[in-house]
Amino acid sequence: MDAADQNWWRGAAIYQVYVRSFADGNGDGTGDLAGVRARLPYLAELGVDALWFTPWYLSPLADGGYDVADYRTIDPAFGTLAEAEKLISEARDLGLRTIVDIVPNHVSDQHPWFRAALAAGPGSPERELFHFRPGRGENGELPPNDWPSEFPGAPTWTRVPDGDWYLHLFTPRQPDLNWAHPAVRREHEDILRFWFERGVAGVRIDSAALLAKDPDLPDFVQGDTPHPFVDRDELHDIYRSWRAVADEYGAVFVGEVWLPDAERFARYLRPDELHTAFNFDFMTRPWDAAELRRSIDRTLGEHAGIGAPATWVLCNHDVTRTVTRYGREDTAFAFAAKRFGTPTDLALGTRRARAAALLSLALPGAVYLYQGEELGLPEAELTPDRIQDPMHFRSGGVDPGRDGCRVPMPWAADEPYAGFGSTGEPWLPQPVDWAAYAADRQATDPASVLALYRAALRIRRTRPGFGDGPLHWLASPEGVLAFSRPGGLVCVVNTAAAPVELPAHTAVLLTSGPLAATGRLPRDTAVWLRA
């Protein structure tokens, strides 16, 4: 393996597959591995380098598969282990590497360990694998502490009939594991080897900063004291052990690390820990040149001293889709701000999302695309009776939840359910205009979002100046981002109200929308130039 092949992850374009909503191969209304296998040629033609699969393991699906009952079994709704092995192999034959999702903070309440812990009773060795504690109060009727939930407004402790309480930072169906227990560490290292042996090239680590807890489980105190369950120093020893396993197979890690402190964030990317981590700061910024530049500078600064490449993400399975977010008055993203019925200008949002695509694809490092992003899909607003996401219910019905970005993909405009493959209604309803976004219709339209992504990814893969490497800012008017990359690439993005002059160039490689008649760059438009 040459150095370029070994370092593929430093500048890769990685496509996130939410299996349940990607393609339905057996017609039962749920996306599955057979559906993904049938669409592998589409993904290869799109021009990405790798596929990241959200959890496909055995699960009651209380939280979209992030409640895992068995890591060594594929959920029957999606297929079989043998089919997953075929998918990994067939994708590799098309030049597509596979990244799987591991959820180490918690398991499903149907996991054999937790079922054994409930049966064994207070004080048992089985309960030491989790965080079981007696309650406070005269009769133990109060939770052991006041820790806040990762789902705002929801409790973090549930009492079982024998009086003990157990910790769950997410739903009661997702009990937190005790990472101070050696059996928990051994099991997860074995899980990593299990999937590396089957040919996966990497692992995405869910909620990567939450695993370690203060052993005393103290009440939550804001201030200078270490957080009792976020970004604990003990985590780094866990990830050093994981890195040793990954290095045996030449595999890579990407961590889901939400941290405001740049120095603390960078610790996870030291040479003997994680290879990369998601850059959520960029994803949450508003459509504003100054804000975006601050995020880019911050991100590149965080990574500069440790030699790790940056990553760029515009949306994912948890976040409002880019087209919708950029079409609203508030173009930033915050979970606490999500509300039903927010006014949206989809034409404006699409124009900005097209420009943001060229921006993110031109930045140094790796980029992640969420399925449907290449089709310009908007967020679907579901009626409350069709929502399944626990975030909605645990908010008391205030938060519309995350199902709006998980609605099944439209593949064929003239087929039932836009060609998703279902013979009956899919697990989440598609909007009535979903066929207008279908991949087959966009494939023949040179002005479509799909055509833009295919062209951009082809240029990104074949021309110098993209992926890992330096960036140099160019002088530009207020509201405009302009930078150069090695090999003569220049990217200009206009978030201002009026068209702007282009810098000197020898060729226009690609634009997110038409240039003005004067040759100027219109508002909410991006361009790649050869200088």
Protein backbone atom coordinates (compact mmCIF):
# COMPACT_ATOMS: atom_id res chain seq x y z
CA MET A 1 0.00 0.00 0.00
CA ASP A 2 1.53 3.33 -1.04
CA ALA A 3 1.45 6.46 1.14
CA ALA A 4 -1.38 8.07 -0.82
CA ASP A 5 -3.57 5.00 -0.42
CA GLN A 6 -2.68 4.72 3.27
CA ASN A 7 -3.60 8.37 3.87
CA TRP A 8 -6.84 8.32 1.84
CA TRP A 9 -8.81 9.61 4.83
CA ARG A 10 -6.92 12.90 5.02
CA GLY A 11 -8.73 14.34 2.01
CA ALA A 12 -11.60 11.95 1.36
CA ALA A 13 -15.18 12.71 0.39
CA ILE A 14 -17.29 10.45 2.61
CA TYR A 15 -21.00 9.77 2.08
CA GLN A 16 -23.24 9.05 5.06
CA VAL A 17 -25.80 6.29 4.50
CA TYR A 18 -28.79 6.19 6.86
CA VAL A 19 -29.74 2.65 5.88
CA ARG A 20 -33.36 2.77 7.04
CA SER A 21 -34.09 5.59 4.60
CA PHE A 22 -31.69 5.00 1.73
CA ALA A 23 -33.28 2.32 -0.48
CA ASP A 24 -35.76 -0.50 0.17
CA GLY A 25 -34.66 -3.72 -1.49
CA ASN A 26 -37.44 -6.05 -0.31
CA GLY A 27 -40.45 -3.72 -0.46
CA ASP A 28 -41.37 -3.75 3.22
CA GLY A 29 -41.15 0.03 3.73
CA THR A 30 -37.74 0.03 5.41
CA GLY A 31 -34.42 0.68 3.73
CA ASP A 32 -32.02 -2.26 3.87
CA LEU A 33 -28.64 -3.59 2.78
CA ALA A 34 -30.10 -5.06 -0.40
CA GLY A 35 -31.26 -1.57 -1.33
CA VAL A 36 -27.81 -0.11 -0.67
CA ARG A 37 -26.11 -2.82 -2.72
CA ALA A 38 -28.38 -2.06 -5.67
CA ARG A 39 -27.43 1.63 -5.47
CA LEU A 40 -23.66 1.19 -5.14
CA PRO A 41 -23.09 2.14 -8.82
CA TYR A 42 -24.91 5.44 -8.15
CA LEU A 43 -22.58 6.16 -5.23
CA ALA A 44 -19.50 5.27 -7.27
CA GLU A 45 -20.66 7.54 -10.10
CA LEU A 46 -21.29 10.34 -7.62
CA GLY A 47 -17.55 10.34 -6.96
CA VAL A 48 -17.21 9.77 -3.21
CA ASP A 49 -14.36 7.79 -1.66
CA ALA A 50 -16.05 6.04 1.25
CA LEU A 51 -19.43 5.23 2.79
CA TRP A 52 -20.25 5.77 6.45
CA PHE A 53 -23.16 3.61 7.65
CA THR A 54 -25.18 4.63 10.67
CA PRO A 55 -25.84 1.62 12.96
CA TRP A 56 -27.12 -1.44 11.15
CA TYR A 57 -26.89 -3.79 14.14
CA LEU A 58 -29.61 -5.69 15.99
CA SER A 59 -31.68 -3.03 17.77
CA PRO A 60 -35.21 -2.31 19.00
CA LEU A 61 -34.79 1.01 17.12
CA ALA A 62 -35.88 3.07 20.13
CA ASP A 63 -33.41 5.73 18.96
CA GLY A 64 -32.86 5.06 15.27
CA GLY A 65 -30.47 2.15 15.87
CA TYR A 66 -28.27 4.03 18.35
CA ASP A 67 -29.59 1.58 20.92
CA VAL A 68 -27.58 -1.53 20.03
CA ALA A 69 -28.56 -4.96 21.32
CA ASP A 70 -25.84 -6.96 19.51
CA TYR A 71 -22.90 -5.56 17.52
CA ARG A 72 -22.19 -8.88 15.82
CA THR A 73 -25.66 -9.27 14.31
CA ILE A 74 -27.31 -7.21 11.57
CA ASP A 75 -30.86 -6.18 12.42
CA PRO A 76 -33.24 -8.41 10.43
CA ALA A 77 -35.00 -5.28 9.13
CA PHE A 78 -31.77 -4.46 7.25
CA GLY A 79 -30.51 -7.92 6.26
CA THR A 80 -27.91 -10.37 7.50
CA LEU A 81 -24.25 -10.40 8.46
CA ALA A 82 -23.43 -12.26 5.25
CA GLU A 83 -25.13 -9.49 3.28
CA ALA A 84 -23.15 -6.83 5.14
CA GLU A 85 -19.95 -8.68 4.24
CA LYS A 86 -21.02 -8.75 0.58
CA LEU A 87 -21.80 -5.04 0.70
CA ILE A 88 -18.36 -4.22 2.13
CA SER A 89 -16.71 -6.35 -0.58
CA GLU A 90 -18.81 -5.02 -3.47
CA ALA A 91 -18.25 -1.45 -2.37
CA ARG A 92 -14.50 -2.05 -2.21
CA ASP A 93 -14.58 -3.42 -5.77
CA LEU A 94 -16.06 -0.08 -6.85
CA GLY A 95 -13.40 1.90 -5.01
CA LEU A 96 -15.62 2.70 -2.01
CA ARG A 97 -14.33 2.07 1.49
CA THR A 98 -16.72 1.33 4.38
CA ILE A 99 -16.94 3.08 7.75
CA VAL A 100 -19.23 1.66 10.45
CA ASP A 101 -20.74 3.37 13.48
CA ILE A 102 -19.91 2.27 17.03
CA VAL A 103 -21.98 3.59 19.96
CA PRO A 104 -19.78 3.02 23.03
CA ASN A 105 -21.51 5.22 25.60
CA HIS A 106 -24.54 2.98 25.98
CA VAL A 107 -26.33 -0.12 24.77
CA SER A 108 -29.97 -1.08 24.32
CA ASP A 109 -32.00 -2.14 27.33
CA GLN A 110 -32.45 -5.38 25.34
CA HIS A 111 -28.68 -6.05 25.35
CA PRO A 112 -27.89 -9.34 27.13
CA TRP A 113 -25.66 -7.54 29.64
CA PHE A 114 -28.42 -5.21 30.77
CA ARG A 115 -31.05 -7.92 30.92
CA ALA A 116 -28.69 -9.96 33.10
CA ALA A 117 -28.07 -6.91 35.29
CA LEU A 118 -31.78 -6.42 35.88
CA ALA A 119 -32.20 -10.09 36.76
CA ALA A 120 -29.18 -10.22 39.08
CA GLY A 121 -30.30 -7.52 41.49
CA PRO A 122 -28.61 -4.79 43.56
CA GLY A 123 -24.90 -5.12 44.29
CA SER A 124 -24.35 -7.87 41.71
CA PRO A 125 -21.30 -8.08 39.41
CA GLU A 126 -23.66 -7.81 36.44
CA ARG A 127 -24.77 -4.36 37.56
CA GLU A 128 -21.16 -3.15 37.77
CA LEU A 129 -21.09 -3.04 33.96
CA PHE A 130 -23.54 -0.10 34.16
CA HIS A 131 -24.19 2.75 36.58
CA PHE A 132 -26.69 1.36 39.06
CA ARG A 133 -27.09 3.29 42.32
CA PRO A 134 -29.54 3.53 45.23
CA GLY A 135 -31.65 6.66 45.21
CA ARG A 136 -31.57 9.62 47.52
CA GLY A 137 -34.33 10.66 49.89
CA GLU A 138 -35.86 8.89 52.84
CA ASN A 139 -36.90 5.85 50.82
CA GLY A 140 -34.55 6.17 47.84
CA GLU A 141 -37.29 7.84 45.84
CA LEU A 142 -35.05 10.56 44.41
CA PRO A 143 -32.47 10.10 41.60
CA PRO A 144 -28.85 9.60 42.67
CA ASN A 145 -27.80 12.97 41.19
CA ASP A 146 -29.02 15.89 39.08
CA TRP A 147 -27.13 15.30 35.83
CA PRO A 148 -28.71 16.88 32.73
CA SER A 149 -29.80 14.69 29.84
CA GLU A 150 -28.41 14.85 26.32
CA PHE A 151 -32.08 15.18 25.34
CA PRO A 152 -32.99 18.53 27.00
CA GLY A 153 -35.68 18.47 29.62
CA ALA A 154 -35.61 14.71 30.09
CA PRO A 155 -34.54 12.67 33.17
CA THR A 156 -31.22 10.80 33.22
CA TRP A 157 -32.12 8.16 35.82
CA THR A 158 -34.75 5.43 35.81
CA ARG A 159 -35.76 3.40 38.86
CA VAL A 160 -36.22 -0.36 38.57
CA PRO A 161 -38.66 -2.40 40.70
CA ASP A 162 -36.01 -3.50 43.23
CA GLY A 163 -35.30 0.14 44.10
CA ASP A 164 -32.02 0.75 42.27
CA TRP A 165 -31.67 3.52 39.71
CA TYR A 166 -29.66 3.30 36.47
CA LEU A 167 -28.05 6.10 34.47
CA HIS A 168 -28.98 6.91 30.86
CA LEU A 169 -27.77 10.18 29.33
CA PHE A 170 -30.15 9.53 26.44
CA THR A 171 -33.42 7.56 26.69
CA PRO A 172 -34.28 4.99 29.39
CA ARG A 173 -33.95 2.42 26.59
CA GLN A 174 -30.20 3.27 26.38
CA PRO A 175 -28.44 2.48 29.70
CA ASP A 176 -24.93 3.95 29.99
CA LEU A 177 -22.01 1.55 30.25
CA ASN A 178 -19.42 1.78 33.03
CA TRP A 179 -16.17 2.39 31.17
CA ALA A 180 -14.15 2.00 34.36
CA HIS A 181 -14.91 -1.75 34.13
CA PRO A 182 -12.28 -3.76 32.23
CA ALA A 183 -14.90 -6.06 30.67
CA VAL A 184 -16.50 -3.08 28.92
CA ARG A 185 -13.16 -2.09 27.43
CA ARG A 186 -12.32 -5.65 26.35
CA GLU A 187 -15.70 -6.12 24.70
CA HIS A 188 -15.41 -3.00 22.59
CA GLU A 189 -11.89 -3.79 21.46
CA ASP A 190 -13.21 -7.21 20.38
CA ILE A 191 -16.06 -5.49 18.51
CA LEU A 192 -13.55 -3.31 16.65
CA ARG A 193 -11.56 -6.38 15.62
CA PHE A 194 -14.75 -8.16 14.55
CA TRP A 195 -15.55 -5.46 12.00
CA PHE A 196 -11.98 -4.77 10.93
CA GLU A 197 -11.68 -8.49 10.14
CA ARG A 198 -14.66 -8.07 7.81
CA GLY A 199 -12.92 -5.38 5.82
CA VAL A 200 -14.23 -2.09 7.17
CA ALA A 201 -11.77 0.76 6.70
CA GLY A 202 -12.81 2.84 9.68
CA VAL A 203 -15.13 3.50 12.59
CA ARG A 204 -17.19 6.56 13.45
CA ILE A 205 -17.45 6.89 17.25
CA ASP A 206 -20.80 8.16 18.48
CA SER A 207 -20.87 10.58 21.45
CA ALA A 208 -17.14 10.10 21.75
CA ALA A 209 -16.65 12.57 24.62
CA LEU A 210 -19.26 11.06 26.98
CA LEU A 211 -17.94 7.60 27.90
CA ALA A 212 -16.03 8.29 31.14
CA LYS A 213 -17.93 9.39 34.25
CA ASP A 214 -16.78 10.79 37.57
CA PRO A 215 -16.80 7.62 39.72
CA ASP A 216 -18.43 9.49 42.62
CA LEU A 217 -21.35 10.54 40.39
CA PRO A 218 -21.52 13.98 42.06
CA ASP A 219 -24.18 16.57 41.31
CA PHE A 220 -23.57 18.75 38.29
CA VAL A 221 -21.73 21.96 39.22
CA GLN A 222 -20.98 24.59 36.59
CA GLY A 223 -17.66 26.36 36.89
CA ASP A 224 -13.99 25.42 36.83
CA THR A 225 -14.41 21.88 38.15
CA PRO A 226 -14.09 19.06 35.57
CA HIS A 227 -17.38 18.08 33.98
CA PRO A 228 -18.69 14.86 35.59
CA PHE A 229 -19.35 13.11 32.26
CA VAL A 230 -18.14 15.22 29.31
CA ASP A 231 -14.52 15.23 28.10
CA ARG A 232 -13.01 13.44 31.10
CA ASP A 233 -9.25 12.92 31.01
CA GLU A 234 -9.73 9.16 31.42
CA LEU A 235 -11.13 9.00 27.88
CA HIS A 236 -7.75 9.41 26.26
CA ASP A 237 -6.42 6.15 27.67
CA ILE A 238 -9.45 4.38 26.16
CA TYR A 239 -8.79 5.83 22.71
CA ARG A 240 -5.08 5.05 22.87
CA SER A 241 -6.03 1.42 23.36
CA TRP A 242 -8.47 1.64 20.45
CA ARG A 243 -5.84 3.24 18.23
CA ALA A 244 -3.50 0.31 18.85
CA VAL A 245 -6.23 -2.01 17.55
CA ALA A 246 -6.93 0.15 14.50
CA ASP A 247 -3.24 0.33 13.64
CA GLU A 248 -3.12 -3.46 13.40
CA TYR A 249 -5.53 -3.22 10.45
CA GLY A 250 -4.62 0.14 8.94
CA ALA A 251 -8.09 1.40 9.91
CA VAL A 252 -9.11 4.91 10.93
CA PHE A 253 -11.37 6.63 13.47
CA VAL A 254 -13.59 9.68 13.24
CA GLY A 255 -14.98 10.90 16.53
CA GLU A 256 -18.25 12.69 17.20
CA VAL A 257 -16.74 15.27 19.56
CA TRP A 258 -18.87 18.31 20.45
CA LEU A 259 -16.52 20.54 22.48
CA PRO A 260 -16.29 24.36 22.60
CA ASP A 261 -12.70 24.35 23.92
CA ALA A 262 -10.27 24.17 20.97
CA GLU A 263 -7.36 22.93 23.07
CA ARG A 264 -9.42 20.15 24.65
CA PHE A 265 -10.81 19.19 21.24
CA ALA A 266 -7.30 18.89 19.78
CA ARG A 267 -6.27 16.37 22.44
CA TYR A 268 -8.46 13.73 20.80
CA LEU A 269 -6.47 14.07 17.58
CA ARG A 270 -3.02 13.41 18.96
CA PRO A 271 -1.03 10.92 16.87
CA ASP A 272 -1.83 7.96 19.13
CA GLU A 273 -5.57 8.66 19.50
CA LEU A 274 -8.28 9.43 16.91
CA HIS A 275 -7.39 10.17 13.30
CA THR A 276 -10.11 12.78 12.77
CA ALA A 277 -13.13 14.30 14.49
CA PHE A 278 -16.25 15.96 13.14
CA ASN A 279 -16.16 19.74 12.85
CA PHE A 280 -19.56 20.76 14.15
CA ASP A 281 -18.69 24.42 14.60
CA PHE A 282 -18.69 25.00 10.83
CA MET A 283 -22.05 23.23 10.44
CA THR A 284 -23.77 25.41 13.04
CA ARG A 285 -22.57 28.80 11.74
CA PRO A 286 -24.94 31.16 9.90
CA TRP A 287 -24.64 31.97 6.20
CA ASP A 288 -22.30 34.88 6.74
CA ALA A 289 -18.78 35.29 5.36
CA ALA A 290 -17.28 36.65 8.57
CA GLU A 291 -18.82 33.87 10.68
CA LEU A 292 -17.76 31.17 8.24
CA ARG A 293 -14.22 32.51 8.07
CA ARG A 294 -13.95 32.58 11.85
CA SER A 295 -15.02 28.95 11.93
CA ILE A 296 -12.59 27.95 9.17
CA ASP A 297 -9.71 29.75 10.89
CA ARG A 298 -10.60 28.22 14.23
CA THR A 299 -10.84 24.73 12.73
CA LEU A 300 -7.56 24.94 10.84
CA GLY A 301 -5.89 26.40 13.91
CA GLU A 302 -7.13 23.54 16.10
CA HIS A 303 -5.62 21.02 13.70
CA ALA A 304 -2.40 22.81 12.75
CA GLY A 305 -0.30 21.82 15.74
CA ILE A 306 -1.21 18.12 15.74
CA GLY A 307 -0.97 17.20 12.07
CA ALA A 308 -4.57 15.96 11.81
CA PRO A 309 -6.73 16.97 8.84
CA ALA A 310 -9.88 19.00 9.35
CA THR A 311 -13.33 17.69 8.45
CA TRP A 312 -16.23 19.67 7.00
CA VAL A 313 -19.91 18.83 7.42
CA LEU A 314 -23.01 20.79 6.35
CA CYS A 315 -25.67 18.42 7.73
CA ASN A 316 -26.25 14.87 8.98
CA HIS A 317 -28.97 12.58 10.33
CA ASP A 318 -29.40 14.74 13.46
CA VAL A 319 -29.38 18.23 11.94
CA THR A 320 -31.84 20.30 9.89
CA ARG A 321 -31.04 19.88 6.21
CA THR A 322 -28.86 22.58 4.67
CA VAL A 323 -31.39 23.77 2.06
CA THR A 324 -33.97 24.44 4.76
CA ARG A 325 -31.60 25.96 7.30
CA TYR A 326 -30.09 28.40 4.81
CA GLY A 327 -33.57 29.44 3.66
CA ARG A 328 -34.59 30.73 7.08
CA GLU A 329 -34.12 34.08 8.77
CA ASP A 330 -31.81 32.42 11.31
CA THR A 331 -29.39 30.39 9.20
CA ALA A 332 -27.40 29.05 12.15
CA PHE A 333 -28.24 25.75 13.83
CA ALA A 334 -28.96 24.96 17.48
CA PHE A 335 -30.96 22.00 18.75
CA ALA A 336 -32.72 24.20 21.31
CA ALA A 337 -33.99 26.56 18.60
CA LYS A 338 -35.83 23.96 16.50
CA ARG A 339 -39.56 24.65 16.19
CA PHE A 340 -42.49 23.58 14.02
CA GLY A 341 -43.62 25.92 11.25
CA THR A 342 -40.47 28.03 10.87
CA PRO A 343 -40.87 30.08 7.65
CA THR A 344 -38.47 28.93 4.91
CA ASP A 345 -37.56 30.22 1.45
CA LEU A 346 -36.45 27.03 -0.30
CA ALA A 347 -35.26 28.79 -3.47
CA LEU A 348 -32.95 30.99 -1.39
CA GLY A 349 -31.87 28.03 0.73
CA THR A 350 -31.06 25.94 -2.34
CA ARG A 351 -28.96 28.72 -3.87
CA ARG A 352 -26.97 29.07 -0.67
CA ALA A 353 -26.65 25.30 -0.19
CA ARG A 354 -25.18 24.97 -3.69
CA ALA A 355 -22.62 27.64 -2.86
CA ALA A 356 -21.86 26.02 0.51
CA ALA A 357 -21.21 22.72 -1.29
CA LEU A 358 -18.41 24.27 -3.36
CA LEU A 359 -17.04 26.01 -0.27
CA SER A 360 -16.88 22.85 1.85
CA LEU A 361 -15.48 20.72 -0.99
CA ALA A 362 -12.66 23.22 -1.56
CA LEU A 363 -11.52 23.49 2.08
CA PRO A 364 -8.45 21.59 3.33
CA GLY A 365 -9.15 18.10 4.68
CA ALA A 366 -11.99 15.60 4.39
CA VAL A 367 -15.65 16.33 3.71
CA TYR A 368 -18.79 14.42 4.73
CA LEU A 369 -22.00 14.41 2.67
CA TYR A 370 -25.32 13.24 4.08
CA GLN A 371 -27.55 11.19 1.81
CA GLY A 372 -29.91 13.42 -0.14
CA GLU A 373 -27.66 16.43 0.23
CA GLU A 374 -26.54 15.80 -3.35
CA LEU A 375 -30.20 16.03 -4.41
CA GLY A 376 -30.83 19.29 -2.58
CA LEU A 377 -33.45 17.68 -0.34
CA PRO A 378 -35.13 20.04 2.12
CA GLU A 379 -36.19 19.17 5.65
CA ALA A 380 -39.57 17.43 5.65
CA GLU A 381 -41.97 18.74 8.28
CA LEU A 382 -43.93 15.78 9.58
CA THR A 383 -47.18 15.93 11.49
CA PRO A 384 -46.76 15.00 15.16
CA ASP A 385 -48.68 11.73 14.71
CA ARG A 386 -46.02 10.46 12.26
CA ILE A 387 -42.91 11.43 14.23
CA GLN A 388 -40.94 8.55 15.77
CA ASP A 389 -37.84 10.36 17.08
CA PRO A 390 -37.57 10.22 20.90
CA MET A 391 -36.08 13.73 20.92
CA HIS A 392 -39.55 15.03 19.98
CA PHE A 393 -41.33 13.18 22.76
CA ARG A 394 -38.73 13.93 25.43
CA SER A 395 -39.04 17.66 24.62
CA GLY A 396 -42.73 17.53 25.45
CA GLY A 397 -43.61 17.86 21.78
CA VAL A 398 -41.86 21.25 21.35
CA ASP A 399 -38.91 20.01 19.27
CA PRO A 400 -39.99 18.59 15.88
CA GLY A 401 -37.23 16.00 16.27
CA ARG A 402 -34.82 14.67 13.68
CA ASP A 403 -37.13 12.59 11.48
CA GLY A 404 -37.50 15.47 9.00
CA CYS A 405 -33.98 14.85 7.70
CA ARG A 406 -34.45 11.06 7.72
CA VAL A 407 -37.35 10.77 5.27
CA PRO A 408 -36.71 8.05 2.61
CA MET A 409 -34.75 9.01 -0.49
CA PRO A 410 -36.48 9.74 -3.84
CA TRP A 411 -34.89 7.72 -6.64
CA ALA A 412 -37.37 7.57 -9.55
CA ALA A 413 -39.91 10.33 -10.21
CA ASP A 414 -42.54 8.16 -11.89
CA GLU A 415 -42.48 5.19 -9.52
CA PRO A 416 -44.54 4.71 -6.33
CA TYR A 417 -42.98 6.42 -3.34
CA ALA A 418 -40.49 8.10 -5.67
CA GLY A 419 -38.72 4.81 -6.31
CA PHE A 420 -37.68 4.20 -2.70
CA GLY A 421 -38.67 0.59 -3.38
CA SER A 422 -41.57 0.09 -1.03
CA THR A 423 -44.73 -1.67 -2.14
CA GLY A 424 -46.53 0.06 0.76
CA GLU A 425 -45.91 3.37 2.47
CA PRO A 426 -42.35 3.81 3.75
CA TRP A 427 -41.61 3.92 7.47
CA LEU A 428 -41.67 7.72 7.33
CA PRO A 429 -44.01 9.50 4.87
CA GLN A 430 -42.46 11.37 1.95
CA PRO A 431 -43.70 14.90 1.15
CA VAL A 432 -46.09 15.15 -1.80
CA ASP A 433 -43.47 16.94 -3.94
CA TRP A 434 -40.67 14.43 -3.24
CA ALA A 435 -40.67 13.10 -6.82
CA ALA A 436 -39.45 16.50 -8.03
CA TYR A 437 -36.15 15.76 -6.28
CA ALA A 438 -35.76 12.22 -7.67
CA ALA A 439 -32.26 11.14 -8.66
CA ASP A 440 -33.30 9.91 -12.11
CA ARG A 441 -34.84 13.27 -13.00
CA GLN A 442 -31.81 15.19 -11.73
CA ALA A 443 -29.38 12.90 -13.54
CA THR A 444 -30.57 14.24 -16.91
CA ASP A 445 -30.67 17.91 -15.84
CA PRO A 446 -27.29 19.68 -16.17
CA ALA A 447 -28.53 22.46 -13.86
CA SER A 448 -29.57 20.12 -11.03
CA VAL A 449 -28.00 19.87 -7.60
CA LEU A 450 -26.95 16.28 -8.42
CA ALA A 451 -25.15 17.48 -11.56
CA LEU A 452 -23.33 20.09 -9.48
CA TYR A 453 -22.17 17.54 -6.92
CA ARG A 454 -21.04 15.07 -9.58
CA ALA A 455 -19.05 17.76 -11.37
CA ALA A 456 -17.55 19.09 -8.13
CA LEU A 457 -16.53 15.66 -6.87
CA ARG A 458 -15.02 14.76 -10.25
CA ILE A 459 -12.93 17.95 -10.27
CA ARG A 460 -12.00 17.45 -6.62
CA ARG A 461 -10.73 13.97 -7.34
CA THR A 462 -8.85 14.70 -10.57
CA ARG A 463 -7.36 18.18 -10.18
CA PRO A 464 -4.62 19.43 -7.82
CA GLY A 465 -5.38 21.74 -4.94
CA PHE A 466 -8.14 19.83 -3.19
CA GLY A 467 -8.15 17.73 -0.04
CA ASP A 468 -5.45 17.94 2.59
CA GLY A 469 -3.02 20.85 2.41
CA PRO A 470 -2.65 24.58 3.03
CA LEU A 471 -5.10 27.44 2.44
CA HIS A 472 -4.23 31.10 1.77
CA TRP A 473 -6.81 33.84 2.24
CA LEU A 474 -7.09 36.43 -0.54
CA ALA A 475 -8.15 40.05 -0.17
CA SER A 476 -11.90 40.33 -0.71
CA PRO A 477 -14.80 42.73 -0.10
CA GLU A 478 -16.97 42.50 2.99
CA GLY A 479 -19.32 39.54 2.77
CA VAL A 480 -17.02 37.56 0.46
CA LEU A 481 -14.73 34.59 1.14
CA ALA A 482 -11.80 34.14 -1.23
CA PHE A 483 -8.91 31.74 -0.82
CA SER A 484 -6.34 29.90 -2.87
CA ARG A 485 -5.16 26.31 -2.64
CA PRO A 486 -2.02 24.68 -4.09
CA GLY A 487 -1.96 24.11 -7.84
CA GLY A 488 -3.68 27.38 -8.74
CA LEU A 489 -7.15 26.67 -7.35
CA VAL A 490 -9.11 29.71 -6.15
CA CYS A 491 -12.50 29.52 -4.43
CA VAL A 492 -14.71 32.61 -4.06
CA VAL A 493 -18.02 32.64 -2.16
CA ASN A 494 -20.30 35.68 -2.12
CA THR A 495 -22.64 35.99 0.88
CA ALA A 496 -23.06 39.76 0.35
CA ALA A 497 -26.12 41.46 -1.10
CA ALA A 498 -24.57 42.58 -4.41
CA PRO A 499 -22.50 40.89 -7.16
CA VAL A 500 -18.70 41.16 -6.86
CA GLU A 501 -15.78 41.16 -9.27
CA LEU A 502 -13.85 37.93 -9.67
CA PRO A 503 -10.11 37.88 -9.00
CA ALA A 504 -7.73 37.43 -11.93
CA HIS A 505 -8.02 33.94 -13.39
CA THR A 506 -7.34 31.89 -16.50
CA ALA A 507 -10.41 29.66 -16.36
CA VAL A 508 -13.71 29.11 -14.55
CA LEU A 509 -13.75 25.51 -13.36
CA LEU A 510 -17.22 25.40 -11.81
CA THR A 511 -19.90 27.71 -10.46
CA SER A 512 -22.74 26.96 -8.07
CA GLY A 513 -25.03 29.13 -10.19
CA PRO A 514 -24.80 31.32 -13.30
CA LEU A 515 -22.46 34.30 -13.28
CA ALA A 516 -23.99 37.72 -13.89
CA ALA A 517 -24.03 39.09 -17.44
CA THR A 518 -21.09 41.30 -16.47
CA GLY A 519 -19.07 38.26 -15.39
CA ARG A 520 -19.46 39.18 -11.74
CA LEU A 521 -20.24 36.64 -9.00
CA PRO A 522 -23.88 37.05 -7.85
CA ARG A 523 -24.99 36.93 -4.23
CA ASP A 524 -25.23 33.50 -2.57
CA THR A 525 -23.02 31.96 -5.29
CA ALA A 526 -19.61 30.28 -5.28
CA VAL A 527 -17.03 29.69 -8.01
CA TRP A 528 -13.89 27.62 -8.49
CA LEU A 529 -11.26 29.33 -10.64
CA ARG A 530 -7.89 28.43 -12.09
CA ALA A 531 -5.50 31.26 -11.30
